[in-house]
Each structure stands twice: as C-alpha cells, then as structure tokens.
Amino acid sequence: MSEHITHESGNKDAWVCICGNNPSEDGFYPVNEDGHEVEPTVEDWKTNEYFCARCGRVIDQDSLEVVRQLDPKEIVRLD
C-alpha cells in the first residue's frame, strides 16, 4: 500500500507530511532523480517531485504519493 501526504485543514497549498512536517517548519523542496535539491525550472527539475526536509520522503507533486525516501542527511542542498 502506498503512502500519501495530506493538506493542512482549509489550505490545499500547505502540505503535511506523514512525519508531521509542514511548510512553516522544515518545509518541502524540489528534488531531481539523483536526490539533489534543484531550482524548479524546466531545465533543472524534470521529476515533479519534492522532498520533505525532515524525513526525506519524496512526494509526487500531483498525486501527493510518497514515491521513495532519501536519507535527509545525504540530500545535496542548494544552500
């Protein structure tokens, strides 16, 4: 059975991860197929996926399905 994240009550733009993370806490960031954070541009972001900065779950933006999980400590961040 697959996992899906949800939205905050009354705000369909604010995600809530299974781990409890939301945009105002650790947030969600665009990620490429290699597990690197990228700018959400046509050139850099072809996966349509975001990662949870708290637990590393990778979420499909359209379905909100968790498609894989990365180790948050190993994600290459843009910082």
PDB file of N, CA and C in Angstrom:
ATOM      1  N   MET A   1       0.846  -1.185   0.000  1.00  0.00           N
ATOM      2  CA  MET A   1       0.000   0.000   0.000  1.00  0.00           C
ATOM      3  C   MET A   1       0.887   1.242   0.000  1.00  0.00           C
ATOM      4  N   SER A   2       0.542   2.210  -0.808  1.00  0.00           N
ATOM      5  CA  SER A   2       1.368   3.408  -0.902  1.00  0.00           C
ATOM      6  C   SER A   2       0.983   4.437   0.154  1.00  0.00           C
ATOM      7  N   GLU A   3       1.935   5.311   0.458  1.00  0.00           N
ATOM      8  CA  GLU A   3       1.713   6.396   1.407  1.00  0.00           C
ATOM      9  C   GLU A   3       1.378   7.670   0.629  1.00  0.00           C
ATOM     10  N   HIS A   4       0.577   8.521   1.237  1.00  0.00           N
ATOM     11  CA  HIS A   4       0.248   9.829   0.678  1.00  0.00           C
ATOM     12  C   HIS A   4       0.310  10.861   1.798  1.00  0.00           C
ATOM     13  N   ILE A   5       0.793  12.049   1.456  1.00  0.00           N
ATOM     14  CA  ILE A   5       0.743  13.133   2.427  1.00  0.00           C
ATOM     15  C   ILE A   5      -0.619  13.806   2.309  1.00  0.00           C
ATOM     16  N   THR A   6      -0.904  14.761   3.188  1.00  0.00           N
ATOM     17  CA  THR A   6      -2.191  15.447   3.196  1.00  0.00           C
ATOM     18  C   THR A   6      -1.967  16.958   3.122  1.00  0.00           C
ATOM     19  N   HIS A   7      -3.054  17.702   3.199  1.00  0.00           N
ATOM     20  CA  HIS A   7      -3.018  19.164   3.253  1.00  0.00           C
ATOM     21  C   HIS A   7      -3.425  19.624   4.641  1.00  0.00           C
ATOM     22  N   GLU A   8      -2.961  20.825   5.006  1.00  0.00           N
ATOM     23  CA  GLU A   8      -3.474  21.434   6.230  1.00  0.00           C
ATOM     24  C   GLU A   8      -4.972  21.701   6.042  1.00  0.00           C
ATOM     25  N   SER A   9      -5.711  21.619   7.090  1.00  0.00           N
ATOM     26  CA  SER A   9      -7.155  21.844   7.023  1.00  0.00           C
ATOM     27  C   SER A   9      -7.436  23.244   6.481  1.00  0.00           C
ATOM     28  N   GLY A  10      -8.204  23.307   5.405  1.00  0.00           N
ATOM     29  CA  GLY A  10      -8.585  24.589   4.825  1.00  0.00           C
ATOM     30  C   GLY A  10      -7.539  25.251   3.955  1.00  0.00           C
ATOM     31  N   ASN A  11      -6.398  24.587   3.726  1.00  0.00           N
ATOM     32  CA  ASN A  11      -5.347  25.190   2.896  1.00  0.00           C
ATOM     33  C   ASN A  11      -4.740  24.120   2.001  1.00  0.00           C
ATOM     34  N   LYS A  12      -5.234  24.011   0.787  1.00  0.00           N
ATOM     35  CA  LYS A  12      -4.770  22.936  -0.089  1.00  0.00           C
ATOM     36  C   LYS A  12      -3.360  23.167  -0.642  1.00  0.00           C
ATOM     37  N   ASP A  13      -2.771  24.343  -0.378  1.00  0.00           N
ATOM     38  CA  ASP A  13      -1.393  24.606  -0.788  1.00  0.00           C
ATOM     39  C   ASP A  13      -0.383  24.243   0.301  1.00  0.00           C
ATOM     40  N   ALA A  14      -0.846  23.986   1.495  1.00  0.00           N
ATOM     41  CA  ALA A  14       0.049  23.679   2.617  1.00  0.00           C
ATOM     42  C   ALA A  14       0.035  22.181   2.890  1.00  0.00           C
ATOM     43  N   TRP A  15       1.127  21.531   2.567  1.00  0.00           N
ATOM     44  CA  TRP A  15       1.230  20.085   2.756  1.00  0.00           C
ATOM     45  C   TRP A  15       1.548  19.734   4.200  1.00  0.00           C
ATOM     46  N   VAL A  16       1.145  18.534   4.590  1.00  0.00           N
ATOM     47  CA  VAL A  16       1.536  17.966   5.872  1.00  0.00           C
ATOM     48  C   VAL A  16       2.073  16.569   5.583  1.00  0.00           C
ATOM     49  N   CYS A  17       3.339  16.357   5.886  1.00  0.00           N
ATOM     50  CA  CYS A  17       3.972  15.060   5.649  1.00  0.00           C
ATOM     51  C   CYS A  17       3.512  14.052   6.702  1.00  0.00           C
ATOM     52  N   ILE A  18       3.722  12.824   6.418  1.00  0.00           N
ATOM     53  CA  ILE A  18       3.404  11.747   7.349  1.00  0.00           C
ATOM     54  C   ILE A  18       4.169  11.933   8.662  1.00  0.00           C
ATOM     55  N   CYS A  19       5.372  12.518   8.584  1.00  0.00           N
ATOM     56  CA  CYS A  19       6.195  12.746   9.777  1.00  0.00           C
ATOM     57  C   CYS A  19       5.743  13.965  10.576  1.00  0.00           C
ATOM     58  N   GLY A  20       4.775  14.732  10.033  1.00  0.00           N
ATOM     59  CA  GLY A  20       4.272  15.919  10.724  1.00  0.00           C
ATOM     60  C   GLY A  20       4.848  17.228  10.212  1.00  0.00           C
ATOM     61  N   ASN A  21       5.852  17.180   9.362  1.00  0.00           N
ATOM     62  CA  ASN A  21       6.433  18.389   8.796  1.00  0.00           C
ATOM     63  C   ASN A  21       5.402  19.136   7.960  1.00  0.00           C
ATOM     64  N   ASN A  22       5.525  20.467   7.943  1.00  0.00           N
ATOM     65  CA  ASN A  22       4.690  21.297   7.079  1.00  0.00           C
ATOM     66  C   ASN A  22       5.538  22.457   6.552  1.00  0.00           C
ATOM     67  N   PRO A  23       5.010  23.281   5.646  1.00  0.00           N
ATOM     68  CA  PRO A  23       5.810  24.340   5.040  1.00  0.00           C
ATOM     69  C   PRO A  23       6.391  25.343   6.031  1.00  0.00           C
ATOM     70  N   SER A  24       5.716  25.589   7.136  1.00  0.00           N
ATOM     71  CA  SER A  24       6.216  26.576   8.093  1.00  0.00           C
ATOM     72  C   SER A  24       7.261  25.997   9.047  1.00  0.00           C
ATOM     73  N   GLU A  25       7.511  24.703   8.957  1.00  0.00           N
ATOM     74  CA  GLU A  25       8.542  24.085   9.796  1.00  0.00           C
ATOM     75  C   GLU A  25       9.768  23.808   8.931  1.00  0.00           C
ATOM     76  N   ASP A  26      10.072  22.554   8.632  1.00  0.00           N
ATOM     77  CA  ASP A  26      11.256  22.223   7.841  1.00  0.00           C
ATOM     78  C   ASP A  26      11.031  22.394   6.344  1.00  0.00           C
ATOM     79  N   GLY A  27       9.794  22.291   5.887  1.00  0.00           N
ATOM     80  CA  GLY A  27       9.452  22.559   4.503  1.00  0.00           C
ATOM     81  C   GLY A  27       9.672  21.412   3.537  1.00  0.00           C
ATOM     82  N   PHE A  28       9.399  21.710   2.266  1.00  0.00           N
ATOM     83  CA  PHE A  28       9.499  20.773   1.149  1.00  0.00           C
ATOM     84  C   PHE A  28      10.239  21.477   0.013  1.00  0.00           C
ATOM     85  N   TYR A  29      11.093  20.734  -0.696  1.00  0.00           N
ATOM     86  CA  TYR A  29      11.933  21.345  -1.723  1.00  0.00           C
ATOM     87  C   TYR A  29      11.979  20.484  -2.971  1.00  0.00           C
ATOM     88  N   PRO A  30      12.061  21.104  -4.154  1.00  0.00           N
ATOM     89  CA  PRO A  30      12.149  20.345  -5.399  1.00  0.00           C
ATOM     90  C   PRO A  30      13.417  19.494  -5.419  1.00  0.00           C
ATOM     91  N   VAL A  31      13.292  18.285  -5.939  1.00  0.00           N
ATOM     92  CA  VAL A  31      14.421  17.361  -5.965  1.00  0.00           C
ATOM     93  C   VAL A  31      14.486  16.687  -7.338  1.00  0.00           C
ATOM     94  N   ASN A  32      15.709  16.401  -7.794  1.00  0.00           N
ATOM     95  CA  ASN A  32      15.859  15.689  -9.065  1.00  0.00           C
ATOM     96  C   ASN A  32      15.978  14.194  -8.821  1.00  0.00           C
ATOM     97  N   GLU A  33      16.141  13.445  -9.884  1.00  0.00           N
ATOM     98  CA  GLU A  33      16.210  11.987  -9.782  1.00  0.00           C
ATOM     99  C   GLU A  33      17.425  11.483  -9.007  1.00  0.00           C
ATOM    100  N   ASP A  34      18.455  12.334  -8.851  1.00  0.00           N
ATOM    101  CA  ASP A  34      19.659  11.945  -8.110  1.00  0.00           C
ATOM    102  C   ASP A  34      19.596  12.304  -6.630  1.00  0.00           C
ATOM    103  N   GLY A  35      18.487  12.901  -6.198  1.00  0.00           N
ATOM    104  CA  GLY A  35      18.359  13.277  -4.794  1.00  0.00           C
ATOM    105  C   GLY A  35      19.005  14.605  -4.462  1.00  0.00           C
ATOM    106  N   HIS A  36      19.166  15.462  -5.465  1.00  0.00           N
ATOM    107  CA  HIS A  36      19.719  16.792  -5.246  1.00  0.00           C
ATOM    108  C   HIS A  36      18.607  17.826  -5.305  1.00  0.00           C
ATOM    109  N   GLU A  37      18.640  18.761  -4.373  1.00  0.00           N
ATOM    110  CA  GLU A  37      17.688  19.864  -4.439  1.00  0.00           C
ATOM    111  C   GLU A  37      17.999  20.692  -5.683  1.00  0.00           C
ATOM    112  N   VAL A  38      16.962  21.109  -6.383  1.00  0.00           N
ATOM    113  CA  VAL A  38      17.144  21.904  -7.599  1.00  0.00           C
ATOM    114  C   VAL A  38      16.179  23.083  -7.602  1.00  0.00           C
ATOM    115  N   GLU A  39      16.488  24.055  -8.456  1.00  0.00           N
ATOM    116  CA  GLU A  39      15.541  25.134  -8.709  1.00  0.00           C
ATOM    117  C   GLU A  39      14.392  24.541  -9.530  1.00  0.00           C
ATOM    118  N   PRO A  40      13.168  24.961  -9.275  1.00  0.00           N
ATOM    119  CA  PRO A  40      12.028  24.396 -10.013  1.00  0.00           C
ATOM    120  C   PRO A  40      11.885  25.008 -11.408  1.00  0.00           C
ATOM    121  N   THR A  41      12.894  24.798 -12.237  1.00  0.00           N
ATOM    122  CA  THR A  41      12.876  25.294 -13.609  1.00  0.00           C
ATOM    123  C   THR A  41      12.739  24.120 -14.570  1.00  0.00           C
ATOM    124  N   VAL A  42      12.326  24.399 -15.772  1.00  0.00           N
ATOM    125  CA  VAL A  42      12.166  23.353 -16.789  1.00  0.00           C
ATOM    126  C   VAL A  42      13.491  22.635 -17.034  1.00  0.00           C
ATOM    127  N   GLU A  43      14.584  23.376 -17.009  1.00  0.00           N
ATOM    128  CA  GLU A  43      15.903  22.780 -17.276  1.00  0.00           C
ATOM    129  C   GLU A  43      16.382  21.869 -16.151  1.00  0.00           C
ATOM    130  N   ASP A  44      16.138  22.257 -14.903  1.00  0.00           N
ATOM    131  CA  ASP A  44      16.715  21.546 -13.759  1.00  0.00           C
ATOM    132  C   ASP A  44      15.787  20.540 -13.097  1.00  0.00           C
ATOM    133  N   TRP A  45      14.491  20.723 -13.226  1.00  0.00           N
ATOM    134  CA  TRP A  45      13.539  19.939 -12.431  1.00  0.00           C
ATOM    135  C   TRP A  45      12.611  19.171 -13.338  1.00  0.00           C
ATOM    136  N   LYS A  46      12.940  17.927 -13.586  1.00  0.00           N
ATOM    137  CA  LYS A  46      12.159  17.108 -14.510  1.00  0.00           C
ATOM    138  C   LYS A  46      11.312  16.050 -13.799  1.00  0.00           C
ATOM    139  N   THR A  47      11.449  15.932 -12.479  1.00  0.00           N
ATOM    140  CA  THR A  47      10.774  14.868 -11.741  1.00  0.00           C
ATOM    141  C   THR A  47       9.383  15.232 -11.247  1.00  0.00           C
ATOM    142  N   ASN A  48       9.090  16.514 -11.071  1.00  0.00           N
ATOM    143  CA  ASN A  48       7.828  16.950 -10.471  1.00  0.00           C
ATOM    144  C   ASN A  48       7.700  16.417  -9.044  1.00  0.00           C
ATOM    145  N   GLU A  49       8.845  16.255  -8.368  1.00  0.00           N
ATOM    146  CA  GLU A  49       8.883  15.705  -7.015  1.00  0.00           C
ATOM    147  C   GLU A  49       9.497  16.702  -6.040  1.00  0.00           C
ATOM    148  N   TYR A  50       9.004  16.631  -4.817  1.00  0.00           N
ATOM    149  CA  TYR A  50       9.545  17.412  -3.708  1.00  0.00           C
ATOM    150  C   TYR A  50      10.019  16.445  -2.638  1.00  0.00           C
ATOM    151  N   PHE A  51      11.000  16.864  -1.841  1.00  0.00           N
ATOM    152  CA  PHE A  51      11.377  16.046  -0.691  1.00  0.00           C
ATOM    153  C   PHE A  51      11.030  16.777   0.582  1.00  0.00           C
ATOM    154  N   CYS A  52      10.700  15.993   1.584  1.00  0.00           N
ATOM    155  CA  CYS A  52      10.429  16.512   2.922  1.00  0.00           C
ATOM    156  C   CYS A  52      11.774  16.727   3.597  1.00  0.00           C
ATOM    157  N   ALA A  53      12.036  17.946   4.022  1.00  0.00           N
ATOM    158  CA  ALA A  53      13.327  18.262   4.625  1.00  0.00           C
ATOM    159  C   ALA A  53      13.494  17.658   6.017  1.00  0.00           C
ATOM    160  N   ARG A  54      12.450  17.110   6.575  1.00  0.00           N
ATOM    161  CA  ARG A  54      12.558  16.485   7.891  1.00  0.00           C
ATOM    162  C   ARG A  54      12.866  14.990   7.782  1.00  0.00           C
ATOM    163  N   CYS A  55      12.115  14.264   6.968  1.00  0.00           N
ATOM    164  CA  CYS A  55      12.260  12.798   6.947  1.00  0.00           C
ATOM    165  C   CYS A  55      12.824  12.247   5.642  1.00  0.00           C
ATOM    166  N   GLY A  56      12.887  13.081   4.582  1.00  0.00           N
ATOM    167  CA  GLY A  56      13.440  12.627   3.312  1.00  0.00           C
ATOM    168  C   GLY A  56      12.460  11.940   2.383  1.00  0.00           C
ATOM    169  N   ARG A  57      11.185  11.850   2.765  1.00  0.00           N
ATOM    170  CA  ARG A  57      10.216  11.268   1.836  1.00  0.00           C
ATOM    171  C   ARG A  57      10.158  12.125   0.572  1.00  0.00           C
ATOM    172  N   VAL A  58      10.057  11.470  -0.568  1.00  0.00           N
ATOM    173  CA  VAL A  58       9.946  12.171  -1.845  1.00  0.00           C
ATOM    174  C   VAL A  58       8.504  12.039  -2.312  1.00  0.00           C
ATOM    175  N   ILE A  59       7.898  13.190  -2.606  1.00  0.00           N
ATOM    176  CA  ILE A  59       6.465  13.261  -2.876  1.00  0.00           C
ATOM    177  C   ILE A  59       6.221  13.716  -4.307  1.00  0.00           C
ATOM    178  N   ASP A  60       5.359  12.999  -5.007  1.00  0.00           N
ATOM    179  CA  ASP A  60       4.916  13.431  -6.331  1.00  0.00           C
ATOM    180  C   ASP A  60       3.965  14.606  -6.134  1.00  0.00           C
ATOM    181  N   GLN A  61       4.289  15.714  -6.751  1.00  0.00           N
ATOM    182  CA  GLN A  61       3.520  16.946  -6.560  1.00  0.00           C
ATOM    183  C   GLN A  61       2.049  16.812  -6.949  1.00  0.00           C
ATOM    184  N   ASP A  62       1.751  16.056  -7.973  1.00  0.00           N
ATOM    185  CA  ASP A  62       0.376  15.966  -8.457  1.00  0.00           C
ATOM    186  C   ASP A  62      -0.496  15.014  -7.642  1.00  0.00           C
ATOM    187  N   SER A  63       0.040  13.860  -7.289  1.00  0.00           N
ATOM    188  CA  SER A  63      -0.758  12.846  -6.593  1.00  0.00           C
ATOM    189  C   SER A  63      -0.581  12.863  -5.081  1.00  0.00           C
ATOM    190  N   LEU A  64       0.454  13.555  -4.594  1.00  0.00           N
ATOM    191  CA  LEU A  64       0.845  13.585  -3.178  1.00  0.00           C
ATOM    192  C   LEU A  64       1.269  12.212  -2.667  1.00  0.00           C
ATOM    193  N   GLU A  65       1.575  11.313  -3.585  1.00  0.00           N
ATOM    194  CA  GLU A  65       2.057   9.983  -3.220  1.00  0.00           C
ATOM    195  C   GLU A  65       3.545  10.040  -2.864  1.00  0.00           C
ATOM    196  N   VAL A  66       3.926   9.307  -1.829  1.00  0.00           N
ATOM    197  CA  VAL A  66       5.331   9.149  -1.484  1.00  0.00           C
ATOM    198  C   VAL A  66       5.901   8.109  -2.442  1.00  0.00           C
ATOM    199  N   VAL A  67       6.873   8.526  -3.263  1.00  0.00           N
ATOM    200  CA  VAL A  67       7.398   7.650  -4.298  1.00  0.00           C
ATOM    201  C   VAL A  67       8.724   6.992  -3.918  1.00  0.00           C
ATOM    202  N   ARG A  68       9.407   7.546  -2.929  1.00  0.00           N
ATOM    203  CA  ARG A  68      10.653   6.969  -2.422  1.00  0.00           C
ATOM    204  C   ARG A  68      11.041   7.743  -1.179  1.00  0.00           C
ATOM    205  N   GLN A  69      12.108   7.304  -0.541  1.00  0.00           N
ATOM    206  CA  GLN A  69      12.579   8.016   0.639  1.00  0.00           C
ATOM    207  C   GLN A  69      14.089   8.113   0.580  1.00  0.00           C
ATOM    208  N   LEU A  70      14.585   9.309   0.844  1.00  0.00           N
ATOM    209  CA  LEU A  70      16.015   9.585   0.863  1.00  0.00           C
ATOM    210  C   LEU A  70      16.460   9.821   2.296  1.00  0.00           C
ATOM    211  N   ASP A  71      17.733   9.632   2.545  1.00  0.00           N
ATOM    212  CA  ASP A  71      18.288   9.985   3.854  1.00  0.00           C
ATOM    213  C   ASP A  71      18.451  11.500   3.872  1.00  0.00           C
ATOM    214  N   PRO A  72      17.739  12.212   4.750  1.00  0.00           N
ATOM    215  CA  PRO A  72      17.819  13.673   4.759  1.00  0.00           C
ATOM    216  C   PRO A  72      19.249  14.198   4.900  1.00  0.00           C
ATOM    217  N   LYS A  73      20.109  13.452   5.549  1.00  0.00           N
ATOM    218  CA  LYS A  73      21.497  13.892   5.729  1.00  0.00           C
ATOM    219  C   LYS A  73      22.314  13.786   4.456  1.00  0.00           C
ATOM    220  N   GLU A  74      21.835  12.998   3.483  1.00  0.00           N
ATOM    221  CA  GLU A  74      22.585  12.796   2.249  1.00  0.00           C
ATOM    222  C   GLU A  74      22.041  13.592   1.069  1.00  0.00           C
ATOM    223  N   ILE A  75      20.951  14.309   1.266  1.00  0.00           N
ATOM    224  CA  ILE A  75      20.388  15.119   0.190  1.00  0.00           C
ATOM    225  C   ILE A  75      21.303  16.308  -0.053  1.00  0.00           C
ATOM    226  N   VAL A  76      21.673  16.524  -1.287  1.00  0.00           N
ATOM    227  CA  VAL A  76      22.507  17.669  -1.641  1.00  0.00           C
ATOM    228  C   VAL A  76      21.609  18.883  -1.742  1.00  0.00           C
ATOM    229  N   ARG A  77      21.836  19.849  -0.848  1.00  0.00           N
ATOM    230  CA  ARG A  77      21.003  21.050  -0.756  1.00  0.00           C
ATOM    231  C   ARG A  77      21.624  22.204  -1.533  1.00  0.00           C
ATOM    232  N   LEU A  78      20.818  23.161  -1.934  1.00  0.00           N
ATOM    233  CA  LEU A  78      21.293  24.328  -2.670  1.00  0.00           C
ATOM    234  C   LEU A  78      21.976  25.354  -1.772  1.00  0.00           C
ATOM    235  N   ASP A  79      21.769  25.271  -0.470  1.00  0.00           N
ATOM    236  CA  ASP A  79      22.294  26.268   0.470  1.00  0.00           C
ATOM    237  C   ASP A  79      23.633  26.694   0.053  1.00  0.00           C
TER     238      ASP A  79
END
